[in-house]
PDB file of N, CA and C in Angstrom:
ATOM      1  N   MET A   1     -26.041  56.370 -46.163  1.00  0.00           N
ATOM      2  CA  MET A   1     -25.126  55.417 -46.745  1.00  0.00           C
ATOM      3  C   MET A   1     -25.420  55.298 -48.242  1.00  0.00           C
ATOM      4  N   ASP A   2     -24.374  55.324 -49.028  1.00  0.00           N
ATOM      5  CA  ASP A   2     -24.581  55.157 -50.462  1.00  0.00           C
ATOM      6  C   ASP A   2     -24.685  53.670 -50.816  1.00  0.00           C
ATOM      7  N   GLU A   3     -24.940  53.402 -52.071  1.00  0.00           N
ATOM      8  CA  GLU A   3     -25.173  52.020 -52.525  1.00  0.00           C
ATOM      9  C   GLU A   3     -23.952  51.128 -52.319  1.00  0.00           C
ATOM     10  N   HIS A   4     -22.770  51.649 -52.564  1.00  0.00           N
ATOM     11  CA  HIS A   4     -21.539  50.867 -52.403  1.00  0.00           C
ATOM     12  C   HIS A   4     -21.332  50.491 -50.929  1.00  0.00           C
ATOM     13  N   GLN A   5     -21.534  51.448 -50.032  1.00  0.00           N
ATOM     14  CA  GLN A   5     -21.398  51.157 -48.601  1.00  0.00           C
ATOM     15  C   GLN A   5     -22.432  50.138 -48.139  1.00  0.00           C
ATOM     16  N   ARG A   6     -23.654  50.268 -48.633  1.00  0.00           N
ATOM     17  CA  ARG A   6     -24.705  49.323 -48.276  1.00  0.00           C
ATOM     18  C   ARG A   6     -24.353  47.908 -48.730  1.00  0.00           C
ATOM     19  N   HIS A   7     -23.811  47.810 -49.924  1.00  0.00           N
ATOM     20  CA  HIS A   7     -23.411  46.512 -50.458  1.00  0.00           C
ATOM     21  C   HIS A   7     -22.252  45.934 -49.641  1.00  0.00           C
ATOM     22  N   SER A   8     -21.283  46.754 -49.286  1.00  0.00           N
ATOM     23  CA  SER A   8     -20.146  46.300 -48.476  1.00  0.00           C
ATOM     24  C   SER A   8     -20.595  45.875 -47.085  1.00  0.00           C
ATOM     25  N   TYR A   9     -21.503  46.646 -46.509  1.00  0.00           N
ATOM     26  CA  TYR A   9     -22.039  46.317 -45.182  1.00  0.00           C
ATOM     27  C   TYR A   9     -22.760  44.973 -45.226  1.00  0.00           C
ATOM     28  N   TRP A  10     -23.604  44.774 -46.233  1.00  0.00           N
ATOM     29  CA  TRP A  10     -24.361  43.523 -46.346  1.00  0.00           C
ATOM     30  C   TRP A  10     -23.428  42.346 -46.585  1.00  0.00           C
ATOM     31  N   ARG A  11     -22.398  42.537 -47.413  1.00  0.00           N
ATOM     32  CA  ARG A  11     -21.423  41.468 -47.683  1.00  0.00           C
ATOM     33  C   ARG A  11     -20.681  41.091 -46.397  1.00  0.00           C
ATOM     34  N   ALA A  12     -20.280  42.086 -45.608  1.00  0.00           N
ATOM     35  CA  ALA A  12     -19.598  41.803 -44.349  1.00  0.00           C
ATOM     36  C   ALA A  12     -20.535  41.104 -43.366  1.00  0.00           C
ATOM     37  N   ASN A  13     -21.785  41.529 -43.331  1.00  0.00           N
ATOM     38  CA  ASN A  13     -22.784  40.928 -42.452  1.00  0.00           C
ATOM     39  C   ASN A  13     -23.012  39.463 -42.810  1.00  0.00           C
ATOM     40  N   THR A  14     -23.206  39.174 -44.088  1.00  0.00           N
ATOM     41  CA  THR A  14     -23.444  37.786 -44.487  1.00  0.00           C
ATOM     42  C   THR A  14     -22.196  36.923 -44.314  1.00  0.00           C
ATOM     43  N   ALA A  15     -21.010  37.495 -44.479  1.00  0.00           N
ATOM     44  CA  ALA A  15     -19.768  36.744 -44.243  1.00  0.00           C
ATOM     45  C   ALA A  15     -19.649  36.369 -42.766  1.00  0.00           C
ATOM     46  N   LEU A  16     -19.986  37.309 -41.890  1.00  0.00           N
ATOM     47  CA  LEU A  16     -19.953  37.020 -40.455  1.00  0.00           C
ATOM     48  C   LEU A  16     -20.943  35.915 -40.106  1.00  0.00           C
ATOM     49  N   ILE A  17     -22.151  36.013 -40.603  1.00  0.00           N
ATOM     50  CA  ILE A  17     -23.166  34.995 -40.332  1.00  0.00           C
ATOM     51  C   ILE A  17     -22.725  33.641 -40.875  1.00  0.00           C
ATOM     52  N   ARG A  18     -22.194  33.618 -42.097  1.00  0.00           N
ATOM     53  CA  ARG A  18     -21.711  32.366 -42.700  1.00  0.00           C
ATOM     54  C   ARG A  18     -20.627  31.719 -41.849  1.00  0.00           C
ATOM     55  N   ASN A  19     -19.659  32.517 -41.411  1.00  0.00           N
ATOM     56  CA  ASN A  19     -18.558  31.970 -40.611  1.00  0.00           C
ATOM     57  C   ASN A  19     -19.043  31.432 -39.269  1.00  0.00           C
ATOM     58  N   LEU A  20     -19.962  32.144 -38.636  1.00  0.00           N
ATOM     59  CA  LEU A  20     -20.488  31.667 -37.352  1.00  0.00           C
ATOM     60  C   LEU A  20     -21.343  30.409 -37.542  1.00  0.00           C
ATOM     61  N   LEU A  21     -22.066  30.323 -38.650  1.00  0.00           N
ATOM     62  CA  LEU A  21     -22.841  29.112 -38.918  1.00  0.00           C
ATOM     63  C   LEU A  21     -21.933  27.920 -39.207  1.00  0.00           C
ATOM     64  N   ILE A  22     -20.798  28.164 -39.822  1.00  0.00           N
ATOM     65  CA  ILE A  22     -19.832  27.080 -40.047  1.00  0.00           C
ATOM     66  C   ILE A  22     -19.319  26.552 -38.721  1.00  0.00           C
ATOM     67  N   VAL A  23     -18.981  27.452 -37.805  1.00  0.00           N
ATOM     68  CA  VAL A  23     -18.534  27.028 -36.472  1.00  0.00           C
ATOM     69  C   VAL A  23     -19.649  26.271 -35.771  1.00  0.00           C
ATOM     70  N   TRP A  24     -20.869  26.793 -35.833  1.00  0.00           N
ATOM     71  CA  TRP A  24     -22.018  26.136 -35.211  1.00  0.00           C
ATOM     72  C   TRP A  24     -22.203  24.730 -35.775  1.00  0.00           C
ATOM     73  N   GLY A  25     -22.109  24.593 -37.096  1.00  0.00           N
ATOM     74  CA  GLY A  25     -22.268  23.284 -37.724  1.00  0.00           C
ATOM     75  C   GLY A  25     -21.168  22.316 -37.331  1.00  0.00           C
ATOM     76  N   LEU A  26     -19.927  22.806 -37.293  1.00  0.00           N
ATOM     77  CA  LEU A  26     -18.822  21.943 -36.883  1.00  0.00           C
ATOM     78  C   LEU A  26     -19.007  21.444 -35.454  1.00  0.00           C
ATOM     79  N   VAL A  27     -19.380  22.353 -34.574  1.00  0.00           N
ATOM     80  CA  VAL A  27     -19.540  21.969 -33.166  1.00  0.00           C
ATOM     81  C   VAL A  27     -20.714  21.019 -32.997  1.00  0.00           C
ATOM     82  N   SER A  28     -21.853  21.364 -33.589  1.00  0.00           N
ATOM     83  CA  SER A  28     -23.043  20.551 -33.349  1.00  0.00           C
ATOM     84  C   SER A  28     -23.016  19.221 -34.083  1.00  0.00           C
ATOM     85  N   LEU A  29     -22.533  19.189 -35.288  1.00  0.00           N
ATOM     86  CA  LEU A  29     -22.565  17.957 -36.068  1.00  0.00           C
ATOM     87  C   LEU A  29     -21.274  17.157 -35.925  1.00  0.00           C
ATOM     88  N   VAL A  30     -20.164  17.788 -36.195  1.00  0.00           N
ATOM     89  CA  VAL A  30     -18.902  17.056 -36.249  1.00  0.00           C
ATOM     90  C   VAL A  30     -18.417  16.666 -34.854  1.00  0.00           C
ATOM     91  N   PHE A  31     -18.249  17.652 -33.969  1.00  0.00           N
ATOM     92  CA  PHE A  31     -17.670  17.346 -32.659  1.00  0.00           C
ATOM     93  C   PHE A  31     -18.639  16.659 -31.714  1.00  0.00           C
ATOM     94  N   SER A  32     -19.925  16.976 -31.821  1.00  0.00           N
ATOM     95  CA  SER A  32     -20.888  16.405 -30.875  1.00  0.00           C
ATOM     96  C   SER A  32     -21.516  15.099 -31.355  1.00  0.00           C
ATOM     97  N   ILE A  33     -21.426  14.781 -32.649  1.00  0.00           N
ATOM     98  CA  ILE A  33     -22.055  13.564 -33.150  1.00  0.00           C
ATOM     99  C   ILE A  33     -21.051  12.657 -33.857  1.00  0.00           C
ATOM    100  N   LEU A  34     -20.413  13.171 -34.901  1.00  0.00           N
ATOM    101  CA  LEU A  34     -19.564  12.318 -35.726  1.00  0.00           C
ATOM    102  C   LEU A  34     -18.261  11.904 -35.042  1.00  0.00           C
ATOM    103  N   LEU A  35     -17.662  12.793 -34.273  1.00  0.00           N
ATOM    104  CA  LEU A  35     -16.385  12.478 -33.626  1.00  0.00           C
ATOM    105  C   LEU A  35     -16.519  12.167 -32.137  1.00  0.00           C
ATOM    106  N   VAL A  36     -17.721  11.800 -31.715  1.00  0.00           N
ATOM    107  CA  VAL A  36     -17.927  11.572 -30.285  1.00  0.00           C
ATOM    108  C   VAL A  36     -17.098  10.393 -29.773  1.00  0.00           C
ATOM    109  N   GLN A  37     -16.978   9.326 -30.528  1.00  0.00           N
ATOM    110  CA  GLN A  37     -16.207   8.162 -30.061  1.00  0.00           C
ATOM    111  C   GLN A  37     -14.714   8.470 -29.910  1.00  0.00           C
ATOM    112  N   PRO A  38     -14.056   9.071 -30.913  1.00  0.00           N
ATOM    113  CA  PRO A  38     -12.640   9.407 -30.701  1.00  0.00           C
ATOM    114  C   PRO A  38     -12.439  10.433 -29.588  1.00  0.00           C
ATOM    115  N   LEU A  39     -13.354  11.385 -29.465  1.00  0.00           N
ATOM    116  CA  LEU A  39     -13.220  12.393 -28.407  1.00  0.00           C
ATOM    117  C   LEU A  39     -13.434  11.799 -27.026  1.00  0.00           C
ATOM    118  N   ASN A  40     -14.156  10.702 -26.933  1.00  0.00           N
ATOM    119  CA  ASN A  40     -14.383  10.078 -25.636  1.00  0.00           C
ATOM    120  C   ASN A  40     -13.110   9.482 -25.048  1.00  0.00           C
ATOM    121  N   ASN A  41     -12.061   9.335 -25.846  1.00  0.00           N
ATOM    122  CA  ASN A  41     -10.782   8.850 -25.320  1.00  0.00           C
ATOM    123  C   ASN A  41     -10.058   9.908 -24.507  1.00  0.00           C
ATOM    124  N   VAL A  42     -10.490  11.168 -24.625  1.00  0.00           N
ATOM    125  CA  VAL A  42      -9.888  12.279 -23.884  1.00  0.00           C
ATOM    126  C   VAL A  42     -10.802  12.621 -22.720  1.00  0.00           C
ATOM    127  N   ARG A  43     -10.222  12.785 -21.539  1.00  0.00           N
ATOM    128  CA  ARG A  43     -11.011  13.160 -20.354  1.00  0.00           C
ATOM    129  C   ARG A  43     -10.987  14.678 -20.201  1.00  0.00           C
ATOM    130  N   PHE A  44     -12.148  15.261 -19.891  1.00  0.00           N
ATOM    131  CA  PHE A  44     -12.280  16.703 -19.691  1.00  0.00           C
ATOM    132  C   PHE A  44     -13.151  16.924 -18.467  1.00  0.00           C
ATOM    133  N   PHE A  45     -12.596  17.528 -17.425  1.00  0.00           N
ATOM    134  CA  PHE A  45     -13.292  17.697 -16.147  1.00  0.00           C
ATOM    135  C   PHE A  45     -13.810  16.364 -15.613  1.00  0.00           C
ATOM    136  N   GLY A  46     -13.056  15.303 -15.833  1.00  0.00           N
ATOM    137  CA  GLY A  46     -13.395  13.993 -15.305  1.00  0.00           C
ATOM    138  C   GLY A  46     -14.395  13.197 -16.126  1.00  0.00           C
ATOM    139  N   VAL A  47     -14.866  13.729 -17.235  1.00  0.00           N
ATOM    140  CA  VAL A  47     -15.810  13.005 -18.091  1.00  0.00           C
ATOM    141  C   VAL A  47     -15.224  12.915 -19.504  1.00  0.00           C
ATOM    142  N   PRO A  48     -15.681  11.968 -20.299  1.00  0.00           N
ATOM    143  CA  PRO A  48     -15.199  11.884 -21.686  1.00  0.00           C
ATOM    144  C   PRO A  48     -15.538  13.162 -22.464  1.00  0.00           C
ATOM    145  N   LEU A  49     -14.577  13.652 -23.242  1.00  0.00           N
ATOM    146  CA  LEU A  49     -14.746  14.914 -23.959  1.00  0.00           C
ATOM    147  C   LEU A  49     -15.904  14.862 -24.955  1.00  0.00           C
ATOM    148  N   GLY A  50     -16.108  13.747 -25.638  1.00  0.00           N
ATOM    149  CA  GLY A  50     -17.218  13.634 -26.586  1.00  0.00           C
ATOM    150  C   GLY A  50     -18.563  13.794 -25.899  1.00  0.00           C
ATOM    151  N   PHE A  51     -18.716  13.161 -24.739  1.00  0.00           N
ATOM    152  CA  PHE A  51     -19.944  13.298 -23.967  1.00  0.00           C
ATOM    153  C   PHE A  51     -20.124  14.733 -23.507  1.00  0.00           C
ATOM    154  N   TRP A  52     -19.039  15.340 -23.000  1.00  0.00           N
ATOM    155  CA  TRP A  52     -19.113  16.713 -22.509  1.00  0.00           C
ATOM    156  C   TRP A  52     -19.481  17.671 -23.639  1.00  0.00           C
ATOM    157  N   MET A  53     -18.888  17.475 -24.835  1.00  0.00           N
ATOM    158  CA  MET A  53     -19.210  18.343 -25.965  1.00  0.00           C
ATOM    159  C   MET A  53     -20.681  18.217 -26.347  1.00  0.00           C
ATOM    160  N   ALA A  54     -21.204  17.011 -26.330  1.00  0.00           N
ATOM    161  CA  ALA A  54     -22.599  16.802 -26.704  1.00  0.00           C
ATOM    162  C   ALA A  54     -23.559  17.382 -25.664  1.00  0.00           C
ATOM    163  N   GLN A  55     -23.170  17.361 -24.403  1.00  0.00           N
ATOM    164  CA  GLN A  55     -24.073  17.794 -23.341  1.00  0.00           C
ATOM    165  C   GLN A  55     -23.879  19.250 -22.931  1.00  0.00           C
ATOM    166  N   GLN A  56     -22.640  19.688 -22.751  1.00  0.00           N
ATOM    167  CA  GLN A  56     -22.377  21.024 -22.221  1.00  0.00           C
ATOM    168  C   GLN A  56     -21.569  21.905 -23.166  1.00  0.00           C
ATOM    169  N   GLY A  57     -20.567  21.332 -23.792  1.00  0.00           N
ATOM    170  CA  GLY A  57     -19.643  22.113 -24.609  1.00  0.00           C
ATOM    171  C   GLY A  57     -20.305  22.834 -25.754  1.00  0.00           C
ATOM    172  N   SER A  58     -21.223  22.154 -26.430  1.00  0.00           N
ATOM    173  CA  SER A  58     -21.887  22.806 -27.555  1.00  0.00           C
ATOM    174  C   SER A  58     -22.748  23.979 -27.080  1.00  0.00           C
ATOM    175  N   ILE A  59     -23.373  23.859 -25.940  1.00  0.00           N
ATOM    176  CA  ILE A  59     -24.185  24.959 -25.404  1.00  0.00           C
ATOM    177  C   ILE A  59     -23.298  26.147 -25.067  1.00  0.00           C
ATOM    178  N   VAL A  60     -22.155  25.888 -24.434  1.00  0.00           N
ATOM    179  CA  VAL A  60     -21.220  26.963 -24.091  1.00  0.00           C
ATOM    180  C   VAL A  60     -20.730  27.659 -25.359  1.00  0.00           C
ATOM    181  N   ILE A  61     -20.415  26.899 -26.370  1.00  0.00           N
ATOM    182  CA  ILE A  61     -19.944  27.479 -27.629  1.00  0.00           C
ATOM    183  C   ILE A  61     -21.059  28.254 -28.316  1.00  0.00           C
ATOM    184  N   PHE A  62     -22.287  27.756 -28.294  1.00  0.00           N
ATOM    185  CA  PHE A  62     -23.411  28.470 -28.908  1.00  0.00           C
ATOM    186  C   PHE A  62     -23.620  29.823 -28.233  1.00  0.00           C
ATOM    187  N   VAL A  63     -23.581  29.861 -26.912  1.00  0.00           N
ATOM    188  CA  VAL A  63     -23.727  31.134 -26.187  1.00  0.00           C
ATOM    189  C   VAL A  63     -22.568  32.063 -26.536  1.00  0.00           C
ATOM    190  N   GLY A  64     -21.362  31.507 -26.635  1.00  0.00           N
ATOM    191  CA  GLY A  64     -20.215  32.308 -27.043  1.00  0.00           C
ATOM    192  C   GLY A  64     -20.396  32.889 -28.438  1.00  0.00           C
ATOM    193  N   LEU A  65     -20.979  32.118 -29.345  1.00  0.00           N
ATOM    194  CA  LEU A  65     -21.230  32.615 -30.703  1.00  0.00           C
ATOM    195  C   LEU A  65     -22.209  33.783 -30.705  1.00  0.00           C
ATOM    196  N   ILE A  66     -23.173  33.759 -29.807  1.00  0.00           N
ATOM    197  CA  ILE A  66     -24.121  34.871 -29.697  1.00  0.00           C
ATOM    198  C   ILE A  66     -23.393  36.142 -29.299  1.00  0.00           C
ATOM    199  N   PHE A  67     -22.503  36.044 -28.300  1.00  0.00           N
ATOM    200  CA  PHE A  67     -21.753  37.214 -27.864  1.00  0.00           C
ATOM    201  C   PHE A  67     -20.786  37.691 -28.946  1.00  0.00           C
ATOM    202  N   ILE A  68     -20.163  36.768 -29.646  1.00  0.00           N
ATOM    203  CA  ILE A  68     -19.265  37.138 -30.744  1.00  0.00           C
ATOM    204  C   ILE A  68     -20.048  37.861 -31.833  1.00  0.00           C
ATOM    205  N   TYR A  69     -21.220  37.349 -32.180  1.00  0.00           N
ATOM    206  CA  TYR A  69     -22.041  37.991 -33.199  1.00  0.00           C
ATOM    207  C   TYR A  69     -22.429  39.408 -32.774  1.00  0.00           C
ATOM    208  N   ALA A  70     -22.867  39.564 -31.530  1.00  0.00           N
ATOM    209  CA  ALA A  70     -23.279  40.883 -31.048  1.00  0.00           C
ATOM    210  C   ALA A  70     -22.101  41.861 -31.065  1.00  0.00           C
ATOM    211  N   PHE A  71     -20.938  41.419 -30.613  1.00  0.00           N
ATOM    212  CA  PHE A  71     -19.762  42.279 -30.586  1.00  0.00           C
ATOM    213  C   PHE A  71     -19.323  42.654 -31.998  1.00  0.00           C
ATOM    214  N   GLN A  72     -19.271  41.676 -32.899  1.00  0.00           N
ATOM    215  CA  GLN A  72     -18.827  41.932 -34.263  1.00  0.00           C
ATOM    216  C   GLN A  72     -19.819  42.816 -35.033  1.00  0.00           C
ATOM    217  N   MET A  73     -21.114  42.619 -34.814  1.00  0.00           N
ATOM    218  CA  MET A  73     -22.102  43.464 -35.488  1.00  0.00           C
ATOM    219  C   MET A  73     -22.048  44.892 -34.973  1.00  0.00           C
ATOM    220  N   ASP A  74     -21.783  45.056 -33.677  1.00  0.00           N
ATOM    221  CA  ASP A  74     -21.625  46.402 -33.132  1.00  0.00           C
ATOM    222  C   ASP A  74     -20.428  47.092 -33.783  1.00  0.00           C
ATOM    223  N   LYS A  75     -19.336  46.351 -33.935  1.00  0.00           N
ATOM    224  CA  LYS A  75     -18.147  46.886 -34.589  1.00  0.00           C
ATOM    225  C   LYS A  75     -18.440  47.217 -36.051  1.00  0.00           C
ATOM    226  N   LEU A  76     -19.168  46.347 -36.721  1.00  0.00           N
ATOM    227  CA  LEU A  76     -19.528  46.571 -38.127  1.00  0.00           C
ATOM    228  C   LEU A  76     -20.444  47.788 -38.268  1.00  0.00           C
ATOM    229  N   ASP A  77     -21.403  47.922 -37.370  1.00  0.00           N
ATOM    230  CA  ASP A  77     -22.293  49.082 -37.407  1.00  0.00           C
ATOM    231  C   ASP A  77     -21.517  50.377 -37.198  1.00  0.00           C
ATOM    232  N   ARG A  78     -20.571  50.368 -36.273  1.00  0.00           N
ATOM    233  CA  ARG A  78     -19.760  51.569 -36.061  1.00  0.00           C
ATOM    234  C   ARG A  78     -18.894  51.880 -37.274  1.00  0.00           C
ATOM    235  N   LYS A  79     -18.371  50.838 -37.905  1.00  0.00           N
ATOM    236  CA  LYS A  79     -17.530  51.038 -39.096  1.00  0.00           C
ATOM    237  C   LYS A  79     -18.326  51.699 -40.222  1.00  0.00           C
ATOM    238  N   TYR A  80     -19.544  51.252 -40.430  1.00  0.00           N
ATOM    239  CA  TYR A  80     -20.374  51.803 -41.501  1.00  0.00           C
ATOM    240  C   TYR A  80     -21.310  52.892 -41.011  1.00  0.00           C
ATOM    241  N   ASN A  81     -21.151  53.293 -39.764  1.00  0.00           N
ATOM    242  CA  ASN A  81     -21.921  54.403 -39.173  1.00  0.00           C
ATOM    243  C   ASN A  81     -23.418  54.178 -39.295  1.00  0.00           C
ATOM    244  N   ASN A  82     -23.863  52.983 -38.883  1.00  0.00           N
ATOM    245  CA  ASN A  82     -25.284  52.632 -38.940  1.00  0.00           C
ATOM    246  C   ASN A  82     -25.939  52.808 -37.589  1.00  0.00           C
ATOM    247  N   LYS A  83     -25.757  53.916 -36.944  1.00  0.00           N
ATOM    248  CA  LYS A  83     -26.370  54.122 -35.642  1.00  0.00           C
ATOM    249  C   LYS A  83     -27.813  54.575 -35.841  1.00  0.00           C
ATOM    250  N   LYS A  84     -28.707  53.874 -35.135  1.00  0.00           N
ATOM    251  CA  LYS A  84     -30.122  54.216 -35.267  1.00  0.00           C
ATOM    252  C   LYS A  84     -30.655  54.720 -33.963  1.00  0.00           C
TER     253      LYS A  84
END
């Protein structure tokens, strides 16, 4: 890989990480803590949505983010031909 490709690969990698961290922050801080009271007005599987997000929803989303990261990095590696 030449210098330009390496720079593009790193920029794409950090953009992916940044975007996933933004989602992680929104879910963990905003939806599970700051908006828990308004979300509790909505029922989800028979429990208040704010409670569910704080207890189960954030974990489900975090695991989903791991799979998204793995899939996207595999795609990025194939794009830049970084097979090791």
